[in-house]
Amino acid sequence: MKKLNFFLIIGLCVIQLFSVPTMASHSISQYVIDHEVTKSTGEESQSKTELSEEELKATFQAIVSDIVKNRNQCIQNLDAESLKASYNLKIKVSLWAYESEAQKIKYFKNWCDKQAVKFDHIESVVKVRKVKEKEKDLYGILCFNSTAFTYSYLDTPDVPNTFYLGTSHYINLKKDGDHYIITKEWYTDPFADSLNLNTLKTDEIRNYILNHTAPDYSPDERTQKAIDYAHKYCGVGPHPEYLFKYNKAYKNFNPDGGDCANFASQILYEGGGFRKNGTWNYDNRNGTKAWVNAQGFKNYIICSGRGGYLARGTYQEIYKEAYKLRPGDFVAYEKKGKITHISTITGLDSKGYPLVTCHNTDRLLVPYDLGWSNKGIRFHLINVYY
């Protein structure tokens, strides 16, 4: 799971982040976001807008969508310089927000070089949830963002691959002439653990990846049901009816520290037909440690005999073995000696590269190492026995 951008939460979330030791947290507390959006001081409360709440949301739906569209274009072109116009670089929090995006563009460039790919399209669907006028011409906005990234390999430019990322944003927008600029932004960053990317031996890895083709593979019925469940309830993707939604039959554990293991357990139970037991169980809006905790889930699958190791180690140590992963298997991510995130394999791209689907910063069919490339990250590749 991902840590939050450090500058986004100083002072507000210290208690939240350190009060749940059993599950790593990717998500900004919903309470913190709602409190920031709705709080007002005496001075701010005197500033009233003539627009209704729905009219404000409609207005800023278009504004935020344009800002995100420009950002996506800069990322696609790996152009951090043009992104500066969206921020007020004289304000520290705005400068920090820009610098984080610029570092992310650098990370994408490094990952594309390693992977031998280029981004062809990056498009987002934005859903504005709340808008609050904080003072004259300054608005606080809470929104969701589902972004489709389409990439192709350099030797097969006509073969597209698309993955989706979902993020929850709190943005302050300040009117600047005839447009708005970002003065503050908090969001769950799916790349926070990789922004200090160390250079890998990219030539060797590139050649290995380019020499692969997708295997002739068809999932069995149980595995296909697990895939279908994961894609339906991951919260992002091409189907509007499921966008930004989880399965309401289960508690969303993101505010409590993270929902990745809970979702991986759902995939195995609801989709794959694995039976609950006294150790691995969910009932009455609560789950056992093996069900909801990333470390507990990984240990349970291995110790119960429901799965076994393919490999474990740094990316450089496991990337060749990763081609043995198939849909229904999963990847556990270790940081500082502890499993902090779980993702389920639900597809393979045009080169047979494993693609994961998960909760927290929601993912659908994302290359399994994207956002987890630091040398301090160890991968646990687990074959699940369906």
Protein backbone atom coordinates (compact mmCIF):
# COMPACT_ATOMS: atom_id res chain seq x y z
CA MET A 1 0.00 0.00 0.00
CA LYS A 2 1.01 3.55 -0.57
CA LYS A 3 1.88 6.22 1.87
CA LEU A 4 0.31 9.67 1.53
CA ASN A 5 2.29 12.57 0.13
CA PHE A 6 4.08 13.67 3.31
CA PHE A 7 3.29 17.32 2.92
CA LEU A 8 -0.40 16.68 2.57
CA ILE A 9 -1.16 15.53 6.07
CA ILE A 10 1.11 17.36 8.50
CA GLY A 11 -0.75 17.96 11.71
CA LEU A 12 -4.15 16.66 10.54
CA CYS A 13 -3.62 12.92 10.31
CA VAL A 14 -0.89 11.96 12.82
CA ILE A 15 -3.33 10.22 15.17
CA GLN A 16 -5.16 8.58 12.24
CA LEU A 17 -2.02 7.17 10.65
CA PHE A 18 -0.48 5.70 13.77
CA SER A 19 -3.56 4.30 15.45
CA VAL A 20 -3.93 1.19 13.22
CA PRO A 21 -0.73 -0.89 13.47
CA THR A 22 -2.13 -4.00 11.77
CA MET A 23 -2.99 -2.49 8.39
CA ALA A 24 -0.93 -0.04 6.32
CA SER A 25 -2.85 3.07 5.33
CA HIS A 26 -3.05 4.46 1.81
CA SER A 27 -6.11 6.58 2.21
CA ILE A 28 -6.77 10.03 3.54
CA SER A 29 -9.27 9.70 6.37
CA GLN A 30 -12.74 10.53 5.11
CA TYR A 31 -13.27 12.48 8.32
CA VAL A 32 -10.22 14.63 7.63
CA ILE A 33 -11.32 15.40 4.09
CA ASP A 34 -14.90 16.20 5.05
CA HIS A 35 -13.76 18.30 8.00
CA GLU A 36 -11.42 20.33 5.81
CA VAL A 37 -14.08 20.84 3.15
CA THR A 38 -16.86 21.84 5.53
CA LYS A 39 -15.07 23.74 8.30
CA SER A 40 -15.38 27.52 8.32
CA THR A 41 -14.09 30.35 10.43
CA GLY A 42 -16.07 33.47 11.22
CA GLU A 43 -14.42 35.30 8.35
CA GLU A 44 -14.94 32.49 5.84
CA SER A 45 -18.57 31.91 6.77
CA GLN A 46 -19.39 35.48 5.75
CA SER A 47 -18.35 34.72 2.19
CA LYS A 48 -21.43 33.39 0.44
CA THR A 49 -21.91 32.17 -3.08
CA GLU A 50 -25.04 32.87 -5.04
CA LEU A 51 -24.80 29.45 -6.69
CA SER A 52 -26.54 26.44 -5.19
CA GLU A 53 -24.49 23.44 -4.11
CA GLU A 54 -25.43 21.52 -7.25
CA GLU A 55 -24.59 24.49 -9.46
CA LEU A 56 -21.21 24.84 -7.75
CA LYS A 57 -20.51 21.15 -8.30
CA ALA A 58 -21.46 21.41 -11.98
CA THR A 59 -19.27 24.49 -12.44
CA PHE A 60 -16.22 22.94 -10.81
CA GLN A 61 -16.81 19.61 -12.50
CA ALA A 62 -15.80 21.29 -15.75
CA ILE A 63 -12.98 23.32 -14.17
CA VAL A 64 -11.36 20.37 -12.38
CA SER A 65 -11.77 18.15 -15.46
CA ASP A 66 -9.85 20.71 -17.54
CA ILE A 67 -7.07 20.93 -14.95
CA VAL A 68 -6.77 17.13 -14.81
CA LYS A 69 -6.82 16.91 -18.60
CA ASN A 70 -3.89 19.34 -18.82
CA ARG A 71 -2.00 17.38 -16.15
CA ASN A 72 -2.55 14.12 -18.02
CA GLN A 73 -1.21 15.68 -21.20
CA CYS A 74 1.93 16.78 -19.37
CA ILE A 75 2.42 13.28 -17.94
CA GLN A 76 1.85 11.68 -21.33
CA ASN A 77 4.44 13.99 -22.88
CA LEU A 78 6.74 13.65 -19.83
CA ASP A 79 6.69 17.45 -19.70
CA ALA A 80 7.02 18.82 -16.16
CA GLU A 81 7.77 22.36 -17.32
CA SER A 82 4.33 22.97 -18.87
CA LEU A 83 2.68 21.77 -15.67
CA LYS A 84 3.95 24.79 -13.71
CA ALA A 85 1.14 26.99 -15.05
CA SER A 86 -1.40 25.00 -12.99
CA TYR A 87 0.19 26.00 -9.65
CA ASN A 88 1.15 29.08 -7.65
CA LEU A 89 4.82 28.31 -7.08
CA LYS A 90 5.17 31.21 -4.63
CA ILE A 91 3.03 29.32 -2.08
CA LYS A 92 4.88 26.48 -0.34
CA VAL A 93 2.06 23.94 -0.34
CA SER A 94 1.35 24.65 -4.01
CA LEU A 95 5.06 24.37 -4.84
CA TRP A 96 5.24 21.05 -3.00
CA ALA A 97 2.21 19.76 -4.91
CA TYR A 98 3.89 20.72 -8.19
CA GLU A 99 7.22 19.17 -7.18
CA SER A 100 5.48 15.91 -6.36
CA GLU A 101 3.91 15.81 -9.81
CA ALA A 102 7.22 16.69 -11.45
CA GLN A 103 8.92 13.87 -9.56
CA LYS A 104 6.14 11.55 -10.68
CA ILE A 105 6.76 12.46 -14.31
CA LYS A 106 10.43 11.60 -13.78
CA TYR A 107 9.35 8.27 -12.30
CA PHE A 108 7.10 7.54 -15.29
CA LYS A 109 10.00 8.28 -17.63
CA ASN A 110 12.26 5.87 -15.75
CA TRP A 111 9.58 3.18 -15.69
CA CYS A 112 8.85 3.58 -19.42
CA ASP A 113 12.57 3.28 -20.19
CA LYS A 114 12.80 0.11 -18.12
CA GLN A 115 9.60 -1.34 -19.55
CA ALA A 116 10.28 -0.37 -23.19
CA VAL A 117 6.88 1.30 -23.50
CA LYS A 118 5.41 4.70 -24.23
CA PHE A 119 2.12 6.23 -23.09
CA ASP A 120 -0.24 6.80 -26.01
CA HIS A 121 -3.26 8.22 -24.13
CA ILE A 122 -4.07 9.27 -20.58
CA GLU A 123 -7.71 10.18 -19.93
CA SER A 124 -9.62 10.76 -16.69
CA VAL A 125 -13.20 10.67 -15.49
CA VAL A 126 -13.63 13.16 -12.64
CA LYS A 127 -16.51 13.13 -10.15
CA VAL A 128 -16.78 16.20 -7.94
CA ARG A 129 -18.38 15.25 -4.62
CA LYS A 130 -18.25 18.47 -2.61
CA VAL A 131 -17.41 22.14 -3.16
CA LYS A 132 -17.02 24.75 -0.44
CA GLU A 133 -16.26 28.43 -0.90
CA LYS A 134 -13.57 29.03 1.73
CA GLU A 135 -13.18 32.75 1.01
CA LYS A 136 -13.67 35.01 -1.98
CA ASP A 137 -12.47 33.24 -5.14
CA LEU A 138 -10.99 30.33 -3.13
CA TYR A 139 -12.75 26.96 -3.19
CA GLY A 140 -12.14 23.63 -1.50
CA ILE A 141 -13.12 20.65 -3.66
CA LEU A 142 -13.37 16.95 -2.89
CA CYS A 143 -13.39 14.71 -5.96
CA PHE A 144 -12.69 11.23 -7.27
CA ASN A 145 -10.57 10.61 -10.35
CA SER A 146 -10.52 7.46 -12.48
CA THR A 147 -7.68 7.59 -15.00
CA ALA A 148 -7.12 5.30 -17.99
CA PHE A 149 -3.50 4.93 -19.08
CA THR A 150 -2.96 3.39 -22.52
CA TYR A 151 0.57 2.25 -23.37
CA SER A 152 2.24 0.26 -26.11
CA TYR A 153 5.57 -1.52 -26.40
CA LEU A 154 8.16 0.11 -28.61
CA ASP A 155 8.41 -2.90 -30.93
CA THR A 156 4.60 -3.24 -31.24
CA PRO A 157 3.27 0.34 -31.29
CA ASP A 158 -0.09 -0.71 -32.77
CA VAL A 159 -0.96 -3.03 -29.87
CA PRO A 160 -2.52 -1.01 -27.03
CA ASN A 161 -2.67 -1.97 -23.35
CA THR A 162 -4.87 -0.02 -20.92
CA PHE A 163 -4.90 0.12 -17.12
CA TYR A 164 -6.87 2.24 -14.66
CA LEU A 165 -6.00 4.07 -11.44
CA GLY A 166 -8.47 5.60 -8.98
CA THR A 167 -7.53 8.45 -6.64
CA SER A 168 -9.39 10.63 -4.12
CA HIS A 169 -8.40 14.32 -4.14
CA TYR A 170 -8.89 17.36 -1.94
CA ILE A 171 -7.96 20.48 -3.94
CA ASN A 172 -7.93 24.19 -3.16
CA LEU A 173 -8.49 26.25 -6.31
CA LYS A 174 -7.88 30.00 -6.40
CA LYS A 175 -9.19 32.23 -9.15
CA ASP A 176 -6.34 33.85 -11.05
CA GLY A 177 -7.66 36.18 -13.75
CA ASP A 178 -9.87 34.15 -16.04
CA HIS A 179 -8.83 30.73 -14.75
CA TYR A 180 -8.15 28.77 -11.56
CA ILE A 181 -4.83 27.47 -10.21
CA ILE A 182 -4.04 24.86 -7.56
CA THR A 183 -2.94 26.32 -4.23
CA LYS A 184 -3.13 23.03 -2.32
CA GLU A 185 -3.76 19.40 -3.18
CA TRP A 186 -4.02 16.27 -1.06
CA TYR A 187 -4.60 12.86 -2.58
CA THR A 188 -3.85 9.18 -2.25
CA ASP A 189 -0.72 8.81 -4.34
CA PRO A 190 -0.26 5.39 -6.00
CA PHE A 191 3.39 6.17 -6.72
CA ALA A 192 4.51 7.58 -3.38
CA ASP A 193 6.71 4.57 -2.61
CA SER A 194 8.60 4.85 -5.92
CA LEU A 195 9.38 8.54 -6.31
CA ASN A 196 12.97 7.93 -5.22
CA LEU A 197 13.42 5.35 -7.95
CA ASN A 198 16.92 3.91 -8.21
CA THR A 199 18.22 3.21 -11.69
CA LEU A 200 17.88 -0.47 -12.60
CA LYS A 201 19.93 -2.35 -15.16
CA THR A 202 17.40 -1.31 -17.72
CA ASP A 203 19.04 -2.69 -20.89
CA GLU A 204 18.94 -6.25 -19.58
CA ILE A 205 15.37 -5.88 -18.31
CA ARG A 206 14.15 -4.13 -21.50
CA ASN A 207 15.52 -6.87 -23.70
CA TYR A 208 14.00 -9.59 -21.55
CA ILE A 209 10.58 -7.92 -21.63
CA LEU A 210 10.67 -7.23 -25.38
CA ASN A 211 11.55 -10.84 -26.12
CA HIS A 212 8.32 -12.06 -24.51
CA THR A 213 4.91 -12.64 -26.03
CA ALA A 214 1.62 -13.25 -24.26
CA PRO A 215 1.11 -16.95 -23.44
CA ASP A 216 -1.74 -19.02 -24.83
CA TYR A 217 -3.81 -18.97 -21.67
CA SER A 218 -7.49 -19.36 -20.81
CA PRO A 219 -8.69 -19.26 -17.19
CA ASP A 220 -10.87 -22.03 -15.81
CA GLU A 221 -14.39 -21.26 -14.59
CA ARG A 222 -13.46 -20.54 -10.96
CA THR A 223 -10.60 -18.29 -11.93
CA GLN A 224 -12.76 -16.41 -14.44
CA LYS A 225 -15.35 -15.74 -11.73
CA ALA A 226 -12.58 -14.36 -9.49
CA ILE A 227 -11.41 -12.10 -12.33
CA ASP A 228 -14.94 -10.89 -13.02
CA TYR A 229 -15.56 -10.08 -9.36
CA ALA A 230 -12.28 -8.15 -9.08
CA HIS A 231 -13.01 -6.09 -12.17
CA LYS A 232 -16.58 -5.34 -11.10
CA TYR A 233 -15.81 -4.10 -7.58
CA CYS A 234 -12.33 -2.56 -7.84
CA GLY A 235 -13.80 0.97 -8.00
CA VAL A 236 -12.30 2.01 -11.34
CA GLY A 237 -12.58 1.00 -14.95
CA PRO A 238 -14.53 1.54 -18.15
CA HIS A 239 -18.02 0.74 -16.79
CA PRO A 240 -19.75 3.86 -15.36
CA GLU A 241 -22.22 1.87 -13.25
CA TYR A 242 -19.37 0.52 -11.09
CA LEU A 243 -17.16 3.61 -11.05
CA PHE A 244 -16.05 4.73 -7.55
CA LYS A 245 -18.08 1.90 -5.96
CA TYR A 246 -17.18 -1.12 -3.84
CA ASN A 247 -19.38 -4.09 -2.93
CA LYS A 248 -21.70 -2.65 -0.26
CA ALA A 249 -22.02 -6.05 1.39
CA TYR A 250 -18.54 -5.49 2.82
CA LYS A 251 -17.13 -2.77 5.03
CA ASN A 252 -14.65 -0.41 3.38
CA PHE A 253 -11.57 -0.62 5.61
CA ASN A 254 -9.71 2.23 3.93
CA PRO A 255 -10.44 4.68 6.79
CA ASP A 256 -9.21 2.03 9.25
CA GLY A 257 -5.86 1.51 7.56
CA GLY A 258 -6.46 -0.12 4.18
CA ASP A 259 -8.81 -2.35 2.18
CA CYS A 260 -6.40 -4.34 0.00
CA ALA A 261 -6.49 -7.64 1.93
CA ASN A 262 -10.24 -7.39 2.47
CA PHE A 263 -10.71 -7.05 -1.30
CA ALA A 264 -8.26 -9.87 -2.09
CA SER A 265 -10.21 -12.07 0.33
CA GLN A 266 -13.48 -11.12 -1.36
CA ILE A 267 -12.03 -12.08 -4.74
CA LEU A 268 -11.12 -15.55 -3.45
CA TYR A 269 -14.42 -16.08 -1.61
CA GLU A 270 -17.04 -14.36 -3.78
CA GLY A 271 -15.33 -15.07 -7.08
CA GLY A 272 -13.06 -18.05 -6.60
CA GLY A 273 -15.38 -20.03 -4.33
CA PHE A 274 -12.90 -20.58 -1.47
CA ARG A 275 -14.64 -21.49 1.76
CA LYS A 276 -14.40 -19.42 4.94
CA ASN A 277 -13.13 -21.01 8.16
CA GLY A 278 -12.31 -20.01 11.72
CA THR A 279 -9.03 -18.37 10.69
CA TRP A 280 -10.07 -16.74 7.43
CA ASN A 281 -13.53 -15.28 7.92
CA TYR A 282 -15.74 -12.21 7.53
CA ASP A 283 -19.04 -11.62 9.34
CA ASN A 284 -21.10 -8.72 10.69
CA ARG A 285 -18.90 -6.03 9.11
CA ASN A 286 -15.74 -7.47 10.67
CA GLY A 287 -13.02 -9.75 9.37
CA THR A 288 -10.34 -11.88 10.97
CA LYS A 289 -6.71 -10.82 10.70
CA ALA A 290 -6.19 -13.31 7.87
CA TRP A 291 -9.08 -11.68 6.00
CA VAL A 292 -8.34 -7.96 6.42
CA ASN A 293 -4.61 -7.64 7.18
CA ALA A 294 -2.02 -7.80 4.38
CA GLN A 295 0.60 -9.68 6.42
CA GLY A 296 -2.05 -11.98 7.90
CA PHE A 297 -3.58 -12.71 4.47
CA LYS A 298 -0.25 -13.63 2.89
CA ASN A 299 0.71 -15.85 5.84
CA TYR A 300 -2.67 -17.57 5.82
CA ILE A 301 -2.62 -18.42 2.10
CA ILE A 302 0.88 -19.93 2.40
CA CYS A 303 0.38 -21.75 5.73
CA SER A 304 -3.08 -23.10 4.85
CA GLY A 305 -1.84 -24.76 1.70
CA ARG A 306 -4.15 -22.68 -0.50
CA GLY A 307 -1.15 -21.18 -2.24
CA GLY A 308 2.61 -21.40 -2.55
CA TYR A 309 5.61 -19.27 -3.42
CA LEU A 310 6.84 -18.72 -6.96
CA ALA A 311 9.55 -16.28 -5.88
CA ARG A 312 10.39 -13.49 -3.45
CA GLY A 313 12.94 -10.70 -3.55
CA THR A 314 13.65 -7.30 -5.13
CA TYR A 315 12.32 -6.51 -8.57
CA GLN A 316 15.67 -7.28 -10.17
CA GLU A 317 15.64 -10.68 -8.44
CA ILE A 318 12.08 -11.72 -9.35
CA TYR A 319 11.06 -10.06 -12.63
CA LYS A 320 11.84 -13.17 -14.70
CA GLU A 321 9.90 -15.49 -12.39
CA ALA A 322 6.95 -13.06 -12.46
CA TYR A 323 6.10 -14.28 -15.96
CA LYS A 324 4.87 -17.50 -14.33
CA LEU A 325 2.08 -15.60 -12.56
CA ARG A 326 -1.43 -16.18 -13.88
CA PRO A 327 -4.82 -14.57 -13.11
CA GLY A 328 -6.03 -15.55 -9.65
CA ASP A 329 -2.51 -15.47 -8.18
CA PHE A 330 -1.38 -12.52 -6.09
CA VAL A 331 1.58 -10.31 -5.30
CA ALA A 332 2.42 -9.23 -1.75
CA TYR A 333 4.62 -6.16 -1.31
CA GLU A 334 7.08 -6.04 1.58
CA LYS A 335 8.48 -2.82 3.00
CA LYS A 336 10.89 -2.70 5.94
CA GLY A 337 10.29 -6.36 6.70
CA LYS A 338 6.47 -6.19 6.70
CA ILE A 339 3.87 -7.00 4.06
CA THR A 340 2.07 -3.71 3.47
CA HIS A 341 -0.03 -4.39 0.37
CA ILE A 342 -1.79 -7.18 -1.53
CA SER A 343 -2.75 -7.14 -5.23
CA THR A 344 -4.46 -9.88 -7.25
CA ILE A 345 -3.31 -10.81 -10.74
CA THR A 346 -6.31 -10.46 -13.07
CA GLY A 347 -4.70 -10.24 -16.51
CA LEU A 348 -1.61 -10.30 -18.70
CA ASP A 349 -0.66 -7.60 -21.17
CA SER A 350 0.43 -8.04 -24.79
CA LYS A 351 3.89 -9.22 -23.67
CA GLY A 352 2.51 -11.50 -20.97
CA TYR A 353 3.46 -9.02 -18.23
CA PRO A 354 1.32 -9.65 -15.10
CA LEU A 355 -1.37 -7.06 -14.33
CA VAL A 356 -2.89 -6.49 -10.89
CA THR A 357 -6.24 -5.29 -9.56
CA CYS A 358 -6.70 -4.05 -5.99
CA HIS A 359 -8.16 -1.52 -3.54
CA ASN A 360 -6.70 1.45 -1.64
CA THR A 361 -5.40 3.55 -4.46
CA ASP A 362 -7.71 1.52 -6.66
CA ARG A 363 -6.15 -0.32 -9.59
CA LEU A 364 -7.49 -2.27 -12.53
CA LEU A 365 -5.08 -4.27 -14.73
CA VAL A 366 -1.99 -2.27 -13.69
CA PRO A 367 1.54 -3.66 -14.32
CA TYR A 368 2.38 -5.30 -11.00
CA ASP A 369 5.56 -3.29 -10.30
CA LEU A 370 4.26 0.15 -11.31
CA GLY A 371 4.48 2.28 -8.18
CA TRP A 372 6.58 -0.30 -6.33
CA SER A 373 9.99 0.09 -7.92
CA ASN A 374 12.21 1.25 -5.06
CA LYS A 375 15.06 -1.06 -4.16
CA GLY A 376 13.67 -1.27 -0.60
CA ILE A 377 10.52 -3.05 -1.84
CA ARG A 378 10.50 -6.86 -1.89
CA PHE A 379 7.93 -8.77 -3.94
CA HIS A 380 6.27 -12.02 -2.83
CA LEU A 381 4.85 -13.84 -5.84
CA ILE A 382 2.16 -16.31 -4.70
CA ASN A 383 0.56 -19.01 -6.82
CA VAL A 384 -3.02 -19.65 -5.60
CA TYR A 385 -4.33 -23.20 -5.93
CA TYR A 386 -7.81 -22.99 -7.44
